[in-house]
Protein backbone atom coordinates (compact mmCIF):
# COMPACT_ATOMS: atom_id res chain seq x y z
CA UNK A 1 -0.31 -0.06 0.19
CA UNK A 2 1.49 3.68 -0.81
CA UNK A 3 1.91 5.71 2.35
CA UNK A 4 -0.76 8.24 0.78
CA UNK A 5 -3.37 5.41 0.70
CA UNK A 6 -2.01 4.04 4.21
CA UNK A 7 -2.10 7.75 5.95
CA UNK A 8 -5.77 8.31 4.65
CA UNK A 9 -7.10 4.92 5.82
CA UNK A 10 -5.75 5.33 9.13
CA UNK A 11 -7.17 8.96 9.30
CA UNK A 12 -10.28 7.57 8.01
CA UNK A 13 -11.04 5.34 10.78
CA UNK A 14 -9.43 7.35 12.92
CA UNK A 15 -12.17 9.88 12.49
CA UNK A 16 -15.37 7.57 12.06
CA UNK A 17 -14.31 6.14 15.51
CA UNK A 18 -14.70 9.61 16.94
CA UNK A 19 -17.52 10.37 15.48
CA UNK A 20 -19.47 7.19 16.66
CA UNK A 21 -17.88 7.88 20.49
CA UNK A 22 -21.26 7.63 23.08
CA UNK A 23 -20.89 9.84 25.64
CA UNK A 24 -22.93 8.53 28.90
CA UNK A 25 -24.61 12.37 30.17
CA UNK A 26 -25.62 12.66 33.88
CA UNK A 27 -24.88 13.61 37.47
CA UNK A 28 -21.14 12.12 38.47
CA UNK A 29 -21.16 14.27 41.80
CA UNK A 30 -19.59 12.84 44.68
CA UNK A 31 -20.33 13.29 48.71
CA UNK A 32 -19.28 16.64 50.06
CA UNK A 33 -19.25 18.57 46.66
CA UNK A 34 -20.87 21.98 46.62
CA UNK A 35 -22.21 23.79 44.33
CA UNK A 36 -23.01 28.17 44.57
CA UNK A 37 -25.76 28.57 41.67
CA UNK A 38 -25.94 32.40 41.15
CA UNK A 39 -29.44 33.30 38.90
CA UNK A 40 -30.50 36.52 37.58
CA UNK A 41 -34.29 36.38 35.73
CA UNK A 42 -35.78 39.29 33.72
CA UNK A 43 -39.45 38.96 32.52
CA UNK A 44 -41.26 41.44 30.92
CA UNK A 45 -45.21 41.68 30.25
CA UNK A 46 -46.95 44.10 28.13
CA UNK A 47 -50.82 44.15 28.49
CA UNK A 48 -52.67 45.77 25.44
CA UNK A 49 -55.51 47.43 27.92
CA UNK A 50 -57.76 49.03 24.78
CA UNK A 51 -55.09 51.00 23.06
CA UNK A 52 -53.55 51.74 26.49
CA UNK A 53 -50.34 48.94 27.49
CA UNK A 54 -49.94 48.09 30.42
CA UNK A 55 -45.92 47.37 31.23
CA UNK A 56 -44.54 45.49 34.20
CA UNK A 57 -41.36 44.21 34.97
CA UNK A 58 -39.90 41.12 37.64
CA UNK A 59 -36.26 41.33 38.17
CA UNK A 60 -35.61 38.37 40.53
CA UNK A 61 -31.92 37.49 41.46
CA UNK A 62 -31.22 34.31 43.42
CA UNK A 63 -27.92 32.59 44.92
CA UNK A 64 -28.48 29.01 46.27
CA UNK A 65 -25.62 26.27 47.57
CA UNK A 66 -26.23 22.92 46.96
CA UNK A 67 -24.36 20.23 49.03
CA UNK A 68 -23.88 16.51 47.77
CA UNK A 69 -25.52 14.68 51.30
CA UNK A 70 -25.20 11.34 49.99
CA UNK A 71 -24.85 9.31 46.96
CA UNK A 72 -26.21 5.73 45.43
CA UNK A 73 -26.72 3.85 42.17
CA UNK A 74 -29.06 6.11 41.42
CA UNK A 75 -30.25 8.57 43.60
CA UNK A 76 -28.26 12.00 44.69
CA UNK A 77 -29.19 13.88 47.57
CA UNK A 78 -28.57 17.22 47.95
CA UNK A 79 -29.00 19.68 50.95
CA UNK A 80 -29.34 22.83 49.48
CA UNK A 81 -30.60 26.60 51.24
CA UNK A 82 -31.07 29.94 50.22
CA UNK A 83 -28.32 32.08 50.39
CA UNK A 84 -30.33 35.42 48.84
CA UNK A 85 -32.98 36.11 47.31
CA UNK A 86 -33.57 39.95 45.13
CA UNK A 87 -37.32 40.40 43.77
CA UNK A 88 -38.25 44.02 41.84
CA UNK A 89 -41.93 44.24 40.33
CA UNK A 90 -43.00 47.32 38.56
CA UNK A 91 -45.80 48.88 36.45
CA UNK A 92 -46.46 51.52 34.40
CA UNK A 93 -49.53 52.63 35.77
CA UNK A 94 -49.50 51.48 39.82
CA UNK A 95 -45.48 52.25 40.31
CA UNK A 96 -43.30 49.65 42.14
CA UNK A 97 -44.93 46.32 43.66
CA UNK A 98 -42.44 44.96 45.51
CA UNK A 99 -38.90 45.32 45.83
CA UNK A 100 -37.15 43.05 48.42
CA UNK A 101 -33.54 42.15 48.66
CA UNK A 102 -32.49 39.67 52.56
CA UNK A 103 -29.23 41.38 52.16
CA UNK A 104 -30.38 45.10 52.58
CA UNK A 105 -31.67 45.91 56.59
CA UNK A 106 -35.03 45.85 56.88
CA UNK A 107 -37.58 48.47 58.51
CA UNK A 108 -40.13 47.17 61.26
CA UNK A 109 -42.57 47.94 59.16
CA UNK A 110 -41.38 45.91 56.39
CA UNK A 111 -43.60 43.34 56.61
CA UNK A 112 -43.12 42.01 53.16
CA UNK A 113 -39.33 42.12 52.85
CA UNK A 114 -39.06 40.75 56.36
CA UNK A 115 -41.46 37.34 55.07
CA UNK A 116 -39.18 37.37 52.60
CA UNK A 117 -35.73 37.51 54.68
CA UNK A 118 -37.24 34.23 56.54
CA UNK A 119 -36.21 32.08 53.04
CA UNK A 120 -32.29 32.12 54.05
CA UNK A 121 -32.59 30.39 57.68
CA UNK A 122 -33.91 26.96 56.63
CA UNK A 123 -32.21 23.98 55.01
CA UNK A 124 -34.15 22.12 52.54
CA UNK A 125 -33.38 18.24 51.23
CA UNK A 126 -33.52 17.62 47.45
CA UNK A 127 -33.60 14.00 46.03
CA UNK A 128 -32.81 13.37 42.17
CA UNK A 129 -32.04 11.37 40.03
CA UNK A 130 -29.23 11.08 37.67
CA UNK A 131 -30.31 12.63 34.24
CA UNK A 132 -31.63 15.66 36.66
CA UNK A 133 -35.58 14.80 37.43
CA UNK A 134 -36.48 15.97 40.52
CA UNK A 135 -37.88 12.88 42.87
CA UNK A 136 -39.10 15.27 45.62
CA UNK A 137 -38.10 18.60 48.08
CA UNK A 138 -38.22 18.37 51.67
CA UNK A 139 -37.69 20.75 54.36
CA UNK A 140 -39.99 23.04 52.86
CA UNK A 141 -43.08 23.01 55.34
CA UNK A 142 -40.49 24.77 58.03
CA UNK A 143 -39.38 27.06 55.73
CA UNK A 144 -42.48 28.18 55.25
CA UNK A 145 -43.51 28.36 58.75
CA UNK A 146 -40.01 30.32 59.61
CA UNK A 147 -40.65 32.86 56.66
CA UNK A 148 -44.37 33.58 58.23
CA UNK A 149 -43.16 33.66 61.79
CA UNK A 150 -40.84 36.21 60.44
CA UNK A 151 -42.68 38.28 59.11
CA UNK A 152 -44.29 39.39 62.30
CA UNK A 153 -46.76 38.59 64.65
CA UNK A 154 -50.10 37.43 63.02
CA UNK A 155 -53.14 35.82 64.47
CA UNK A 156 -53.49 32.16 63.73
CA UNK A 157 -56.03 33.17 60.96
CA UNK A 158 -53.62 35.26 59.44
CA UNK A 159 -50.89 32.94 59.56
CA UNK A 160 -52.85 30.08 58.32
CA UNK A 161 -53.87 32.65 54.67
CA UNK A 162 -50.16 33.81 54.64
CA UNK A 163 -48.63 29.90 54.54
CA UNK A 164 -51.13 28.90 52.04
CA UNK A 165 -50.14 31.89 49.87
CA UNK A 166 -46.44 30.66 50.28
CA UNK A 167 -47.29 27.38 49.26
CA UNK A 168 -48.37 28.03 45.86
CA UNK A 169 -44.49 29.63 45.56
CA UNK A 170 -42.44 27.47 47.77
CA UNK A 171 -43.76 24.36 48.68
CA UNK A 172 -42.13 20.85 47.73
CA UNK A 173 -43.90 20.35 43.96
CA UNK A 174 -43.42 23.82 43.05
CA UNK A 175 -39.78 24.36 43.99
CA UNK A 176 -39.54 20.85 42.02
CA UNK A 177 -40.80 21.96 39.03
CA UNK A 178 -38.82 25.10 39.28
CA UNK A 179 -35.10 23.79 39.96
CA UNK A 180 -36.02 21.16 37.43
CA UNK A 181 -35.35 23.77 34.25
CA UNK A 182 -32.02 24.12 36.25
CA UNK A 183 -30.85 20.49 36.78
CA UNK A 184 -32.88 18.51 34.26
CA UNK A 185 -31.64 18.62 30.86
CA UNK A 186 -30.15 14.49 30.44
CA UNK A 187 -31.08 11.95 28.41
CA UNK A 188 -31.84 8.23 29.93
CA UNK A 189 -29.51 6.56 27.46
CA UNK A 190 -25.72 7.49 25.79
CA UNK A 191 -26.09 10.16 22.90
CA UNK A 192 -23.44 10.98 20.46
CA UNK A 193 -22.15 14.83 19.49
CA UNK A 194 -25.25 15.74 17.48
CA UNK A 195 -28.26 13.40 18.89
CA UNK A 196 -31.32 14.91 20.27
CA UNK A 197 -33.74 13.24 22.88
CA UNK A 198 -36.28 14.80 24.93
CA UNK A 199 -38.57 15.80 28.13
CA UNK A 200 -41.00 17.84 29.79
CA UNK A 201 -41.23 20.25 32.26
CA UNK A 202 -43.92 21.53 34.37
CA UNK A 203 -45.82 23.99 36.06
CA UNK A 204 -46.79 27.66 35.85
CA UNK A 205 -43.84 27.39 33.22
CA UNK A 206 -44.96 24.04 31.33
CA UNK A 207 -42.71 23.29 28.26
CA UNK A 208 -41.97 20.18 25.54
CA UNK A 209 -37.91 20.09 25.73
CA UNK A 210 -35.55 19.26 22.45
CA UNK A 211 -32.50 18.96 23.81
CA UNK A 212 -28.92 18.25 21.46
CA UNK A 213 -25.17 17.87 22.06
CA UNK A 214 -23.79 20.00 20.00
CA UNK A 215 -20.63 19.87 21.48
CA UNK A 216 -17.97 18.41 23.40
CA UNK A 217 -14.47 19.69 24.80
CA UNK A 218 -12.47 18.67 27.56
CA UNK A 219 -14.00 20.02 29.93
CA UNK A 220 -17.34 20.70 28.92
CA UNK A 221 -20.72 19.33 27.57
CA UNK A 222 -22.77 22.03 25.46
CA UNK A 223 -26.29 20.96 25.08
CA UNK A 224 -28.74 22.99 23.43
CA UNK A 225 -32.36 23.15 23.68
CA UNK A 226 -35.27 24.51 21.73
CA UNK A 227 -39.04 24.66 23.63
CA UNK A 228 -42.66 24.60 23.11
CA UNK A 229 -43.64 27.05 26.43
CA UNK A 230 -47.02 27.82 27.51
CA UNK A 231 -47.71 29.71 30.89
CA UNK A 232 -50.95 29.11 32.38
CA UNK A 233 -50.89 31.16 35.80
CA UNK A 234 -53.93 32.07 38.36
CA UNK A 235 -53.91 33.92 41.43
CA UNK A 236 -56.45 36.09 43.25
CA UNK A 237 -56.36 38.55 40.64
CA UNK A 238 -55.72 37.42 37.26
CA UNK A 239 -55.55 34.72 34.74
CA UNK A 240 -53.06 33.91 32.26
CA UNK A 241 -53.02 31.62 29.48
CA UNK A 242 -49.99 31.65 26.89
CA UNK A 243 -48.26 29.77 24.76
CA UNK A 244 -44.39 30.50 22.51
CA UNK A 245 -41.12 29.04 22.05
CA UNK A 246 -38.23 29.50 24.06
CA UNK A 247 -34.27 28.59 23.29
CA UNK A 248 -31.46 27.65 25.47
CA UNK A 249 -27.75 27.40 26.28
CA UNK A 250 -26.35 24.44 28.76
CA UNK A 251 -22.70 24.03 29.52
CA UNK A 252 -22.32 20.83 32.07
CA UNK A 253 -19.34 19.79 34.13
CA UNK A 254 -17.69 16.39 32.53
CA UNK A 255 -16.06 15.99 36.19
CA UNK A 256 -19.00 16.59 38.05
CA UNK A 257 -22.19 16.31 35.63
CA UNK A 258 -23.58 19.52 37.32
CA UNK A 259 -24.33 22.60 35.69
CA UNK A 260 -21.63 25.50 34.83
CA UNK A 261 -23.85 27.79 32.56
CA UNK A 262 -27.06 28.11 31.61
CA UNK A 263 -28.76 30.81 29.15
CA UNK A 264 -32.51 30.82 27.69
CA UNK A 265 -34.90 33.09 26.15
CA UNK A 266 -38.86 32.37 25.86
CA UNK A 267 -41.63 34.26 24.44
CA UNK A 268 -45.31 33.39 24.71
CA UNK A 269 -48.05 35.39 23.89
CA UNK A 270 -51.84 34.75 24.64
CA UNK A 271 -54.86 36.84 27.17
CA UNK A 272 -55.01 37.48 30.27
CA UNK A 273 -57.73 38.21 32.58
CA UNK A 274 -58.26 40.43 35.34
CA UNK A 275 -60.72 39.19 37.85
CA UNK A 276 -61.67 42.71 38.62
CA UNK A 277 -63.02 43.46 35.18
CA UNK A 278 -65.64 40.87 35.05
CA UNK A 279 -64.09 38.25 32.49
CA UNK A 280 -62.43 41.28 30.00
CA UNK A 281 -59.62 39.28 27.67
CA UNK A 282 -56.24 41.49 27.79
CA UNK A 283 -53.99 40.30 24.61
CA UNK A 284 -50.81 39.35 26.39
CA UNK A 285 -46.98 38.65 25.51
CA UNK A 286 -44.22 37.94 28.13
CA UNK A 287 -40.62 37.79 27.43
CA UNK A 288 -38.49 36.00 29.92
CA UNK A 289 -34.56 36.05 30.15
CA UNK A 290 -33.06 33.35 32.67
CA UNK A 291 -29.36 32.79 33.66
CA UNK A 292 -27.35 30.46 35.59
CA UNK A 293 -24.19 31.26 36.51
CA UNK A 294 -22.75 28.09 38.82
CA UNK A 295 -19.54 27.44 41.02
CA UNK A 296 -18.00 24.31 41.62
CA UNK A 297 -16.24 22.98 44.56
CA UNK A 298 -15.64 19.13 43.54
CA UNK A 299 -14.00 16.73 46.12
């Protein structure tokens, strides 16, 4: 065989072997590993109210610490807590609706700030499968109890109303659905570069997701996501029914499997109903941008 032909044969075999390489994507954490997560979310809501624009904005920042308590063949148990919570909501018609930052000093008469400052006092436990699907989060009852008690000296009836309200945001099922949008990106089977897989998120934001292993570096798996999303939200004042799309970019550590960074953007349109307006349908658009950055402290 001529040298050039031999070289081309070897090159072709190597290229084929590389192209066919499969990866077992998943969490490979060890007991004692810790991960500090920084979240930033910006949401813009535009409502068309008989030709008048009502613009609302929500800005959320959060910091969380996840620490691996134990690992077995299928389940990882994390101890985690909120280190910081910040939320600011504004309305072009009603001005500032909320402005809370657990880092700031709190006025004695600021019930809302005192309520949310209690979020940093509790430790929670999360059980998660190795593909990132969350089995359960426990400790939320104590979290909510602490938040309500921190808010002030209210009568028993008022405290129960506050607890029921907080369960919608910080109950075990709600937190599981929320955190899965950070953790649940891996398939159940081995994949090659360019392969795709599907999963779903549930909750106020539901989505049907298609993930693709876009690229692989020495340290990172690079994954993209395209999703069909829907918002179905109802509280005492408003109902929303929206649908749209979301795109995501996810980098994960090849060592631990934990997320290194996430960025996602979604736009959804539909209608909202202000319950005080006797069922009038209001055209509504919601645009959301979320980023996560993670510092790993791996054993």
